[in-house]
């Protein structure tokens, strides 16, 4: 797991964009359960201005070194959710 340094966003990479806050928070929790530190950059504005978040997106970020694994884990999470919806 890579450490995120507050104020040094150059080390962060957007792993997913969401139009609603709850799915972003669930993805964040999924990544954290695997030891990957994930941050929602637009959480405050999404709470105050939800319509703007729906238009511009809510960014979930991870350290650059964790990007590949985080992307794979979120793809797996999406596949699991899709299979449950199909059942």
C-alpha atoms as a PDB file:
ATOM      1  CA  UNK A   1       0.000   0.000   0.000  1.00  0.00           C
ATOM      2  CA  UNK A   2       1.319   3.443  -0.864  1.00  0.00           C
ATOM      3  CA  UNK A   3       0.962   6.399   1.428  1.00  0.00           C
ATOM      4  CA  UNK A   4      -0.850   9.457   0.165  1.00  0.00           C
ATOM      5  CA  UNK A   5       0.754  12.741   1.055  1.00  0.00           C
ATOM      6  CA  UNK A   6      -1.797  15.495   1.742  1.00  0.00           C
ATOM      7  CA  UNK A   7      -1.289  18.409  -0.608  1.00  0.00           C
ATOM      8  CA  UNK A   8       0.679  16.354  -3.143  1.00  0.00           C
ATOM      9  CA  UNK A   9      -2.054  15.399  -5.586  1.00  0.00           C
ATOM     10  CA  UNK A  10       0.543  14.629  -8.275  1.00  0.00           C
ATOM     11  CA  UNK A  11       0.899  11.228  -6.594  1.00  0.00           C
ATOM     12  CA  UNK A  12      -2.833  10.550  -6.957  1.00  0.00           C
ATOM     13  CA  UNK A  13      -4.516   8.954  -9.912  1.00  0.00           C
ATOM     14  CA  UNK A  14      -8.260   8.893 -10.589  1.00  0.00           C
ATOM     15  CA  UNK A  15      -9.283   5.254 -10.634  1.00  0.00           C
ATOM     16  CA  UNK A  16     -13.027   5.852 -11.181  1.00  0.00           C
ATOM     17  CA  UNK A  17     -15.570   8.642 -11.563  1.00  0.00           C
ATOM     18  CA  UNK A  18     -19.074   8.329 -10.141  1.00  0.00           C
ATOM     19  CA  UNK A  19     -22.204  10.393 -10.561  1.00  0.00           C
ATOM     20  CA  UNK A  20     -23.498   9.606  -7.058  1.00  0.00           C
ATOM     21  CA  UNK A  21     -21.699   9.743  -3.720  1.00  0.00           C
ATOM     22  CA  UNK A  22     -22.875   6.403  -2.276  1.00  0.00           C
ATOM     23  CA  UNK A  23     -21.318   4.206  -5.002  1.00  0.00           C
ATOM     24  CA  UNK A  24     -18.067   6.171  -4.644  1.00  0.00           C
ATOM     25  CA  UNK A  25     -18.080   5.548  -0.896  1.00  0.00           C
ATOM     26  CA  UNK A  26     -18.783   1.830  -1.394  1.00  0.00           C
ATOM     27  CA  UNK A  27     -15.879   1.577  -3.856  1.00  0.00           C
ATOM     28  CA  UNK A  28     -13.664   3.424  -1.387  1.00  0.00           C
ATOM     29  CA  UNK A  29     -14.592   0.941   1.346  1.00  0.00           C
ATOM     30  CA  UNK A  30     -13.936  -1.997  -1.000  1.00  0.00           C
ATOM     31  CA  UNK A  31     -10.435  -0.738  -1.753  1.00  0.00           C
ATOM     32  CA  UNK A  32      -9.695   0.020   1.884  1.00  0.00           C
ATOM     33  CA  UNK A  33     -10.735  -3.536   2.806  1.00  0.00           C
ATOM     34  CA  UNK A  34      -7.816  -4.691   0.618  1.00  0.00           C
ATOM     35  CA  UNK A  35      -5.404  -2.234   2.211  1.00  0.00           C
ATOM     36  CA  UNK A  36      -5.501   0.336  -0.585  1.00  0.00           C
ATOM     37  CA  UNK A  37      -5.917   3.896   0.596  1.00  0.00           C
ATOM     38  CA  UNK A  38      -8.526   5.570  -1.573  1.00  0.00           C
ATOM     39  CA  UNK A  39      -9.718   9.164  -1.332  1.00  0.00           C
ATOM     40  CA  UNK A  40     -12.861  10.804  -2.684  1.00  0.00           C
ATOM     41  CA  UNK A  41     -11.743  14.229  -3.855  1.00  0.00           C
ATOM     42  CA  UNK A  42     -15.208  15.675  -4.408  1.00  0.00           C
ATOM     43  CA  UNK A  43     -16.992  14.298  -1.345  1.00  0.00           C
ATOM     44  CA  UNK A  44     -17.666  17.686   0.241  1.00  0.00           C
ATOM     45  CA  UNK A  45     -18.977  19.333  -2.899  1.00  0.00           C
ATOM     46  CA  UNK A  46     -21.049  16.243  -3.763  1.00  0.00           C
ATOM     47  CA  UNK A  47     -22.793  16.531  -0.398  1.00  0.00           C
ATOM     48  CA  UNK A  48     -23.551  20.222  -0.818  1.00  0.00           C
ATOM     49  CA  UNK A  49     -24.142  20.348  -4.591  1.00  0.00           C
ATOM     50  CA  UNK A  50     -25.329  16.865  -5.639  1.00  0.00           C
ATOM     51  CA  UNK A  51     -26.494  18.008  -9.081  1.00  0.00           C
ATOM     52  CA  UNK A  52     -23.036  19.380  -9.921  1.00  0.00           C
ATOM     53  CA  UNK A  53     -21.539  16.056  -8.857  1.00  0.00           C
ATOM     54  CA  UNK A  54     -23.905  14.225 -11.194  1.00  0.00           C
ATOM     55  CA  UNK A  55     -22.710  16.406 -14.086  1.00  0.00           C
ATOM     56  CA  UNK A  56     -18.976  16.680 -13.336  1.00  0.00           C
ATOM     57  CA  UNK A  57     -18.429  13.422 -11.476  1.00  0.00           C
ATOM     58  CA  UNK A  58     -17.075  12.371  -8.115  1.00  0.00           C
ATOM     59  CA  UNK A  59     -13.447  11.300  -8.366  1.00  0.00           C
ATOM     60  CA  UNK A  60     -12.116   8.309  -6.469  1.00  0.00           C
ATOM     61  CA  UNK A  61      -8.326   8.423  -6.326  1.00  0.00           C
ATOM     62  CA  UNK A  62      -5.530   6.100  -5.274  1.00  0.00           C
ATOM     63  CA  UNK A  63      -1.771   6.350  -5.200  1.00  0.00           C
ATOM     64  CA  UNK A  64      -0.214   5.870  -8.611  1.00  0.00           C
ATOM     65  CA  UNK A  65       1.509   2.686  -7.398  1.00  0.00           C
ATOM     66  CA  UNK A  66      -1.875   1.184  -6.386  1.00  0.00           C
ATOM     67  CA  UNK A  67      -3.735   2.128  -9.560  1.00  0.00           C
ATOM     68  CA  UNK A  68      -3.571  -1.219 -11.428  1.00  0.00           C
ATOM     69  CA  UNK A  69      -4.626  -3.312  -8.434  1.00  0.00           C
ATOM     70  CA  UNK A  70      -7.364  -0.847  -7.476  1.00  0.00           C
ATOM     71  CA  UNK A  71      -8.743  -0.845 -11.006  1.00  0.00           C
ATOM     72  CA  UNK A  72      -8.789  -4.656 -11.070  1.00  0.00           C
ATOM     73  CA  UNK A  73     -10.538  -4.841  -7.684  1.00  0.00           C
ATOM     74  CA  UNK A  74     -13.195  -2.338  -8.743  1.00  0.00           C
ATOM     75  CA  UNK A  75     -13.776  -4.265 -11.979  1.00  0.00           C
ATOM     76  CA  UNK A  76     -14.274  -7.435  -9.909  1.00  0.00           C
ATOM     77  CA  UNK A  77     -16.652  -5.580  -7.589  1.00  0.00           C
ATOM     78  CA  UNK A  78     -18.645  -4.360 -10.585  1.00  0.00           C
ATOM     79  CA  UNK A  79     -18.784  -7.895 -12.029  1.00  0.00           C
ATOM     80  CA  UNK A  80     -19.993  -9.297  -8.679  1.00  0.00           C
ATOM     81  CA  UNK A  81     -22.716  -6.664  -8.465  1.00  0.00           C
ATOM     82  CA  UNK A  82     -23.781  -7.309 -12.048  1.00  0.00           C
ATOM     83  CA  UNK A  83     -24.063 -11.075 -11.441  1.00  0.00           C
ATOM     84  CA  UNK A  84     -26.186 -10.446  -8.350  1.00  0.00           C
ATOM     85  CA  UNK A  85     -28.473  -8.167 -10.369  1.00  0.00           C
ATOM     86  CA  UNK A  86     -28.849 -10.845 -13.064  1.00  0.00           C
ATOM     87  CA  UNK A  87     -29.752 -13.558 -10.523  1.00  0.00           C
END
